[in-house]
């Protein structure tokens, strides 16, 4: 506890909170799997380097966040139109 902070007075609601330092809780914590971050995607994207004209990058970045995803969508749309006879 910091020297500047006074300990809080016990609250009646605190009686409902279990003591997480007991052996049964420690056992549950030790057996639980730690899951951090975003869940893994089924299909992951491939990291690559591509050279584009500065005006193309500026136009997509001007749209705000998600500009790389919009470039991906534009390329996907192009491939879809190109594949049709």
C-alpha atoms as a PDB file:
ATOM      1  CA  UNK A   1       0.000   0.000   0.000  1.00  0.00           C
ATOM      2  CA  UNK A   2       1.249   3.443  -0.827  1.00  0.00           C
ATOM      3  CA  UNK A   3       2.091   5.800   2.022  1.00  0.00           C
ATOM      4  CA  UNK A   4      -0.263   8.383   0.488  1.00  0.00           C
ATOM      5  CA  UNK A   5      -3.300   6.108   0.447  1.00  0.00           C
ATOM      6  CA  UNK A   6      -5.283   5.113   3.493  1.00  0.00           C
ATOM      7  CA  UNK A   7      -6.633   1.557   3.723  1.00  0.00           C
ATOM      8  CA  UNK A   8     -10.282   1.287   2.815  1.00  0.00           C
ATOM      9  CA  UNK A   9     -12.795   0.416   5.481  1.00  0.00           C
ATOM     10  CA  UNK A  10     -14.272  -3.093   5.191  1.00  0.00           C
ATOM     11  CA  UNK A  11     -17.488  -3.174   3.252  1.00  0.00           C
ATOM     12  CA  UNK A  12     -20.326  -5.611   3.874  1.00  0.00           C
ATOM     13  CA  UNK A  13     -20.331  -6.438   0.147  1.00  0.00           C
ATOM     14  CA  UNK A  14     -16.740  -7.700   0.526  1.00  0.00           C
ATOM     15  CA  UNK A  15     -18.058 -10.647   2.527  1.00  0.00           C
ATOM     16  CA  UNK A  16     -19.596 -12.040  -0.668  1.00  0.00           C
ATOM     17  CA  UNK A  17     -16.256 -12.065  -2.488  1.00  0.00           C
ATOM     18  CA  UNK A  18     -14.473 -15.437  -2.223  1.00  0.00           C
ATOM     19  CA  UNK A  19     -10.887 -15.637  -0.968  1.00  0.00           C
ATOM     20  CA  UNK A  20      -8.989 -16.410  -4.172  1.00  0.00           C
ATOM     21  CA  UNK A  21      -5.847 -17.407  -2.296  1.00  0.00           C
ATOM     22  CA  UNK A  22      -7.384 -20.626  -0.938  1.00  0.00           C
ATOM     23  CA  UNK A  23      -6.013 -23.958  -2.242  1.00  0.00           C
ATOM     24  CA  UNK A  24      -9.153 -24.841  -4.215  1.00  0.00           C
ATOM     25  CA  UNK A  25      -9.019 -21.526  -6.131  1.00  0.00           C
ATOM     26  CA  UNK A  26      -5.231 -21.847  -6.669  1.00  0.00           C
ATOM     27  CA  UNK A  27      -5.842 -25.308  -8.158  1.00  0.00           C
ATOM     28  CA  UNK A  28      -8.463 -23.904 -10.551  1.00  0.00           C
ATOM     29  CA  UNK A  29      -6.132 -21.081 -11.606  1.00  0.00           C
ATOM     30  CA  UNK A  30      -3.244 -23.494 -12.172  1.00  0.00           C
ATOM     31  CA  UNK A  31      -5.389 -25.783 -14.338  1.00  0.00           C
ATOM     32  CA  UNK A  32      -6.977 -23.040 -16.418  1.00  0.00           C
ATOM     33  CA  UNK A  33      -5.645 -22.328 -19.883  1.00  0.00           C
ATOM     34  CA  UNK A  34      -4.442 -18.786 -20.508  1.00  0.00           C
ATOM     35  CA  UNK A  35      -6.040 -17.245 -23.601  1.00  0.00           C
ATOM     36  CA  UNK A  36      -4.727 -13.851 -24.627  1.00  0.00           C
ATOM     37  CA  UNK A  37      -5.398 -11.734 -27.659  1.00  0.00           C
ATOM     38  CA  UNK A  38      -7.568 -12.374 -30.653  1.00  0.00           C
ATOM     39  CA  UNK A  39      -8.598 -15.972 -31.354  1.00  0.00           C
ATOM     40  CA  UNK A  40      -6.670 -17.495 -34.269  1.00  0.00           C
ATOM     41  CA  UNK A  41      -8.368 -17.073 -37.647  1.00  0.00           C
ATOM     42  CA  UNK A  42      -9.205 -20.061 -39.822  1.00  0.00           C
ATOM     43  CA  UNK A  43      -7.606 -18.400 -42.826  1.00  0.00           C
ATOM     44  CA  UNK A  44      -4.643 -16.217 -42.102  1.00  0.00           C
ATOM     45  CA  UNK A  45      -3.320 -13.584 -44.463  1.00  0.00           C
ATOM     46  CA  UNK A  46       0.173 -13.677 -45.914  1.00  0.00           C
ATOM     47  CA  UNK A  47       2.561 -10.854 -45.155  1.00  0.00           C
ATOM     48  CA  UNK A  48       4.162  -9.475 -48.307  1.00  0.00           C
ATOM     49  CA  UNK A  49       5.787  -6.385 -49.735  1.00  0.00           C
ATOM     50  CA  UNK A  50       4.271  -4.652 -52.731  1.00  0.00           C
ATOM     51  CA  UNK A  51       5.250  -1.399 -54.414  1.00  0.00           C
ATOM     52  CA  UNK A  52       2.389   0.923 -55.287  1.00  0.00           C
ATOM     53  CA  UNK A  53       2.303   4.465 -56.644  1.00  0.00           C
ATOM     54  CA  UNK A  54       2.195   7.149 -53.940  1.00  0.00           C
ATOM     55  CA  UNK A  55      -1.152   8.521 -55.160  1.00  0.00           C
ATOM     56  CA  UNK A  56      -2.756   5.071 -54.780  1.00  0.00           C
ATOM     57  CA  UNK A  57      -1.527   4.777 -51.189  1.00  0.00           C
ATOM     58  CA  UNK A  58      -2.644   8.349 -50.389  1.00  0.00           C
ATOM     59  CA  UNK A  59      -6.121   7.695 -51.776  1.00  0.00           C
ATOM     60  CA  UNK A  60      -6.616   4.553 -49.689  1.00  0.00           C
ATOM     61  CA  UNK A  61      -5.088   6.068 -46.546  1.00  0.00           C
ATOM     62  CA  UNK A  62      -7.342   9.111 -46.885  1.00  0.00           C
ATOM     63  CA  UNK A  63     -10.265   6.773 -46.203  1.00  0.00           C
ATOM     64  CA  UNK A  64      -8.976   6.173 -42.670  1.00  0.00           C
ATOM     65  CA  UNK A  65      -8.276   2.953 -40.833  1.00  0.00           C
ATOM     66  CA  UNK A  66      -8.621  -0.271 -42.768  1.00  0.00           C
ATOM     67  CA  UNK A  67      -6.921   1.062 -45.875  1.00  0.00           C
ATOM     68  CA  UNK A  68      -4.904  -2.140 -46.358  1.00  0.00           C
ATOM     69  CA  UNK A  69      -8.087  -4.220 -46.154  1.00  0.00           C
ATOM     70  CA  UNK A  70      -9.678  -1.933 -48.754  1.00  0.00           C
ATOM     71  CA  UNK A  71      -6.717  -2.504 -51.075  1.00  0.00           C
ATOM     72  CA  UNK A  72      -7.193  -6.246 -50.555  1.00  0.00           C
ATOM     73  CA  UNK A  73     -10.913  -5.909 -51.387  1.00  0.00           C
ATOM     74  CA  UNK A  74     -10.131  -3.865 -54.522  1.00  0.00           C
ATOM     75  CA  UNK A  75      -7.691  -6.517 -55.733  1.00  0.00           C
ATOM     76  CA  UNK A  76     -10.233  -9.257 -54.990  1.00  0.00           C
ATOM     77  CA  UNK A  77     -12.891  -7.342 -56.952  1.00  0.00           C
ATOM     78  CA  UNK A  78     -10.481  -6.922 -59.869  1.00  0.00           C
ATOM     79  CA  UNK A  79      -9.730 -10.648 -59.927  1.00  0.00           C
ATOM     80  CA  UNK A  80     -13.458 -11.442 -59.801  1.00  0.00           C
ATOM     81  CA  UNK A  81     -14.207  -9.226 -62.812  1.00  0.00           C
ATOM     82  CA  UNK A  82     -11.190 -10.544 -64.693  1.00  0.00           C
ATOM     83  CA  UNK A  83     -12.171 -14.200 -64.214  1.00  0.00           C
ATOM     84  CA  UNK A  84     -15.540 -13.759 -65.946  1.00  0.00           C
ATOM     85  CA  UNK A  85     -15.605 -14.583 -69.691  1.00  0.00           C
END
